[in-house]
């Protein structure tokens, strides 16, 4: 059983991931990259649903890998933060956008793993 404080930390980090995803989507829109922004929005909505599902299940029983979840989320959040900074500098960012979508998808997978089997 995962301690309540750890559950809250994991949910906080996933919500931070969603916040970063939304910020990147807005930045892409401002850069007139609507196709990429739409793809990003779709990935972010998937993450949002997974977070909602995890909260709805009250996160009673989490997978055994829960001890590494915070570390995994932290690494993905760091990558999202770096991608956002690159977007702010308006560097050639097609590869970063693809990577960011993959990171959001990975976060959604982590959130899904929190649910009871």
C-alpha atoms as a PDB file:
ATOM      1  CA  UNK A   1       0.000   0.000   0.000  1.00  0.00           C
ATOM      2  CA  UNK A   2       1.390   3.381  -0.988  1.00  0.00           C
ATOM      3  CA  UNK A   3       1.442   5.991   1.759  1.00  0.00           C
ATOM      4  CA  UNK A   4      -1.030   8.863   1.444  1.00  0.00           C
ATOM      5  CA  UNK A   5       1.724  11.506   1.301  1.00  0.00           C
ATOM      6  CA  UNK A   6       3.367   9.695  -1.594  1.00  0.00           C
ATOM      7  CA  UNK A   7       0.016   9.478  -3.399  1.00  0.00           C
ATOM      8  CA  UNK A   8      -0.445  13.226  -2.987  1.00  0.00           C
ATOM      9  CA  UNK A   9       3.103  13.892  -4.223  1.00  0.00           C
ATOM     10  CA  UNK A  10       2.530  11.731  -7.289  1.00  0.00           C
ATOM     11  CA  UNK A  11      -0.757  13.433  -8.083  1.00  0.00           C
ATOM     12  CA  UNK A  12       0.859  16.855  -7.575  1.00  0.00           C
ATOM     13  CA  UNK A  13       3.636  15.946  -9.991  1.00  0.00           C
ATOM     14  CA  UNK A  14       1.200  14.615 -12.579  1.00  0.00           C
ATOM     15  CA  UNK A  15      -0.814  17.826 -12.295  1.00  0.00           C
ATOM     16  CA  UNK A  16       2.406  19.794 -12.779  1.00  0.00           C
ATOM     17  CA  UNK A  17       3.017  17.725 -15.916  1.00  0.00           C
ATOM     18  CA  UNK A  18      -0.424  18.632 -17.185  1.00  0.00           C
ATOM     19  CA  UNK A  19       0.231  22.317 -16.452  1.00  0.00           C
ATOM     20  CA  UNK A  20       3.446  22.150 -18.476  1.00  0.00           C
ATOM     21  CA  UNK A  21       1.656  20.374 -21.295  1.00  0.00           C
ATOM     22  CA  UNK A  22      -0.982  23.088 -21.428  1.00  0.00           C
ATOM     23  CA  UNK A  23       1.688  25.806 -21.453  1.00  0.00           C
ATOM     24  CA  UNK A  24       3.471  24.141 -24.366  1.00  0.00           C
ATOM     25  CA  UNK A  25       0.186  23.841 -26.258  1.00  0.00           C
ATOM     26  CA  UNK A  26      -0.439  27.582 -25.796  1.00  0.00           C
ATOM     27  CA  UNK A  27       3.109  28.404 -26.881  1.00  0.00           C
ATOM     28  CA  UNK A  28       2.703  26.306 -30.027  1.00  0.00           C
ATOM     29  CA  UNK A  29      -0.517  28.142 -30.812  1.00  0.00           C
ATOM     30  CA  UNK A  30       1.225  31.497 -30.366  1.00  0.00           C
ATOM     31  CA  UNK A  31       3.953  30.287 -32.723  1.00  0.00           C
ATOM     32  CA  UNK A  32       1.215  29.587 -35.304  1.00  0.00           C
ATOM     33  CA  UNK A  33       1.923  25.857 -35.186  1.00  0.00           C
ATOM     34  CA  UNK A  34      -1.700  24.835 -34.836  1.00  0.00           C
ATOM     35  CA  UNK A  35      -1.311  21.290 -36.173  1.00  0.00           C
ATOM     36  CA  UNK A  36       1.356  20.583 -33.559  1.00  0.00           C
ATOM     37  CA  UNK A  37      -0.680  22.369 -30.890  1.00  0.00           C
ATOM     38  CA  UNK A  38      -3.685  20.186 -31.705  1.00  0.00           C
ATOM     39  CA  UNK A  39      -1.592  17.005 -31.440  1.00  0.00           C
ATOM     40  CA  UNK A  40      -0.229  18.226 -28.140  1.00  0.00           C
ATOM     41  CA  UNK A  41      -3.721  19.066 -26.890  1.00  0.00           C
ATOM     42  CA  UNK A  42      -4.865  15.540 -27.681  1.00  0.00           C
ATOM     43  CA  UNK A  43      -1.982  14.038 -25.701  1.00  0.00           C
ATOM     44  CA  UNK A  44      -2.605  16.438 -22.803  1.00  0.00           C
ATOM     45  CA  UNK A  45      -6.314  15.549 -22.703  1.00  0.00           C
ATOM     46  CA  UNK A  46      -5.376  11.875 -22.492  1.00  0.00           C
ATOM     47  CA  UNK A  47      -3.104  12.649 -19.536  1.00  0.00           C
ATOM     48  CA  UNK A  48      -5.861  14.703 -17.907  1.00  0.00           C
ATOM     49  CA  UNK A  49      -8.318  11.804 -18.219  1.00  0.00           C
ATOM     50  CA  UNK A  50      -5.783   9.414 -16.685  1.00  0.00           C
ATOM     51  CA  UNK A  51      -5.226  11.770 -13.751  1.00  0.00           C
ATOM     52  CA  UNK A  52      -8.977  12.093 -13.265  1.00  0.00           C
ATOM     53  CA  UNK A  53      -9.345   8.307 -13.393  1.00  0.00           C
ATOM     54  CA  UNK A  54      -6.606   7.863 -10.797  1.00  0.00           C
ATOM     55  CA  UNK A  55      -8.261  10.401  -8.507  1.00  0.00           C
ATOM     56  CA  UNK A  56     -11.649   8.783  -9.065  1.00  0.00           C
ATOM     57  CA  UNK A  57     -10.316   5.403  -8.024  1.00  0.00           C
ATOM     58  CA  UNK A  58      -8.994   7.028  -4.844  1.00  0.00           C
ATOM     59  CA  UNK A  59      -5.692   5.428  -5.705  1.00  0.00           C
ATOM     60  CA  UNK A  60      -6.127   2.661  -3.150  1.00  0.00           C
ATOM     61  CA  UNK A  61      -3.876   0.062  -4.696  1.00  0.00           C
ATOM     62  CA  UNK A  62      -1.022   1.141  -6.912  1.00  0.00           C
ATOM     63  CA  UNK A  63       1.388  -0.942  -8.956  1.00  0.00           C
ATOM     64  CA  UNK A  64       4.588  -2.192  -7.327  1.00  0.00           C
ATOM     65  CA  UNK A  65       6.652   0.261  -9.373  1.00  0.00           C
ATOM     66  CA  UNK A  66       5.080   3.137  -7.434  1.00  0.00           C
ATOM     67  CA  UNK A  67       8.329   3.671  -5.557  1.00  0.00           C
ATOM     68  CA  UNK A  68       9.951   4.935  -8.777  1.00  0.00           C
ATOM     69  CA  UNK A  69       6.947   6.856 -10.089  1.00  0.00           C
ATOM     70  CA  UNK A  70       8.007  10.208  -8.613  1.00  0.00           C
ATOM     71  CA  UNK A  71      11.451   9.847 -10.151  1.00  0.00           C
ATOM     72  CA  UNK A  72       9.987   8.943 -13.554  1.00  0.00           C
ATOM     73  CA  UNK A  73       7.551  11.863 -13.470  1.00  0.00           C
ATOM     74  CA  UNK A  74      10.339  14.217 -12.388  1.00  0.00           C
ATOM     75  CA  UNK A  75      12.515  13.217 -15.339  1.00  0.00           C
ATOM     76  CA  UNK A  76       9.650  13.717 -17.792  1.00  0.00           C
ATOM     77  CA  UNK A  77       8.766  17.089 -16.243  1.00  0.00           C
ATOM     78  CA  UNK A  78      12.388  18.208 -16.584  1.00  0.00           C
ATOM     79  CA  UNK A  79      12.308  17.281 -20.263  1.00  0.00           C
ATOM     80  CA  UNK A  80       9.033  19.157 -20.769  1.00  0.00           C
ATOM     81  CA  UNK A  81      10.478  22.229 -19.064  1.00  0.00           C
ATOM     82  CA  UNK A  82      13.517  22.165 -21.375  1.00  0.00           C
ATOM     83  CA  UNK A  83      11.308  21.795 -24.442  1.00  0.00           C
ATOM     84  CA  UNK A  84       9.176  24.739 -23.355  1.00  0.00           C
ATOM     85  CA  UNK A  85      12.300  26.910 -22.979  1.00  0.00           C
ATOM     86  CA  UNK A  86      13.420  25.962 -26.486  1.00  0.00           C
ATOM     87  CA  UNK A  87       9.982  26.848 -27.835  1.00  0.00           C
ATOM     88  CA  UNK A  88      10.209  30.228 -26.126  1.00  0.00           C
ATOM     89  CA  UNK A  89      13.438  30.845 -28.026  1.00  0.00           C
ATOM     90  CA  UNK A  90      11.603  29.770 -31.205  1.00  0.00           C
ATOM     91  CA  UNK A  91      14.340  27.356 -32.221  1.00  0.00           C
ATOM     92  CA  UNK A  92      13.651  24.739 -34.882  1.00  0.00           C
ATOM     93  CA  UNK A  93      11.444  22.591 -32.752  1.00  0.00           C
ATOM     94  CA  UNK A  94       9.782  19.842 -34.754  1.00  0.00           C
ATOM     95  CA  UNK A  95      11.805  17.151 -33.002  1.00  0.00           C
ATOM     96  CA  UNK A  96      11.203  18.703 -29.574  1.00  0.00           C
ATOM     97  CA  UNK A  97       7.462  18.785 -30.203  1.00  0.00           C
ATOM     98  CA  UNK A  98       7.447  15.113 -31.142  1.00  0.00           C
ATOM     99  CA  UNK A  99       9.514  14.326 -28.037  1.00  0.00           C
ATOM    100  CA  UNK A 100       7.195  16.378 -25.839  1.00  0.00           C
ATOM    101  CA  UNK A 101       4.133  14.513 -27.115  1.00  0.00           C
ATOM    102  CA  UNK A 102       5.906  11.240 -26.365  1.00  0.00           C
ATOM    103  CA  UNK A 103       6.705  12.479 -22.844  1.00  0.00           C
ATOM    104  CA  UNK A 104       3.052  13.351 -22.255  1.00  0.00           C
ATOM    105  CA  UNK A 105       2.033   9.920 -23.535  1.00  0.00           C
ATOM    106  CA  UNK A 106       4.519   8.350 -21.092  1.00  0.00           C
ATOM    107  CA  UNK A 107       3.027  10.372 -18.262  1.00  0.00           C
ATOM    108  CA  UNK A 108      -0.432   9.122 -19.247  1.00  0.00           C
ATOM    109  CA  UNK A 109       0.888   5.556 -19.100  1.00  0.00           C
ATOM    110  CA  UNK A 110       2.283   6.193 -15.620  1.00  0.00           C
ATOM    111  CA  UNK A 111      -1.056   7.625 -14.495  1.00  0.00           C
ATOM    112  CA  UNK A 112      -2.876   4.615 -15.936  1.00  0.00           C
ATOM    113  CA  UNK A 113      -0.583   2.269 -14.000  1.00  0.00           C
ATOM    114  CA  UNK A 114      -1.788   3.877 -10.790  1.00  0.00           C
ATOM    115  CA  UNK A 115      -5.211   2.352 -11.236  1.00  0.00           C
ATOM    116  CA  UNK A 116      -6.221  -0.971  -9.795  1.00  0.00           C
ATOM    117  CA  UNK A 117      -5.762  -3.832 -12.297  1.00  0.00           C
END
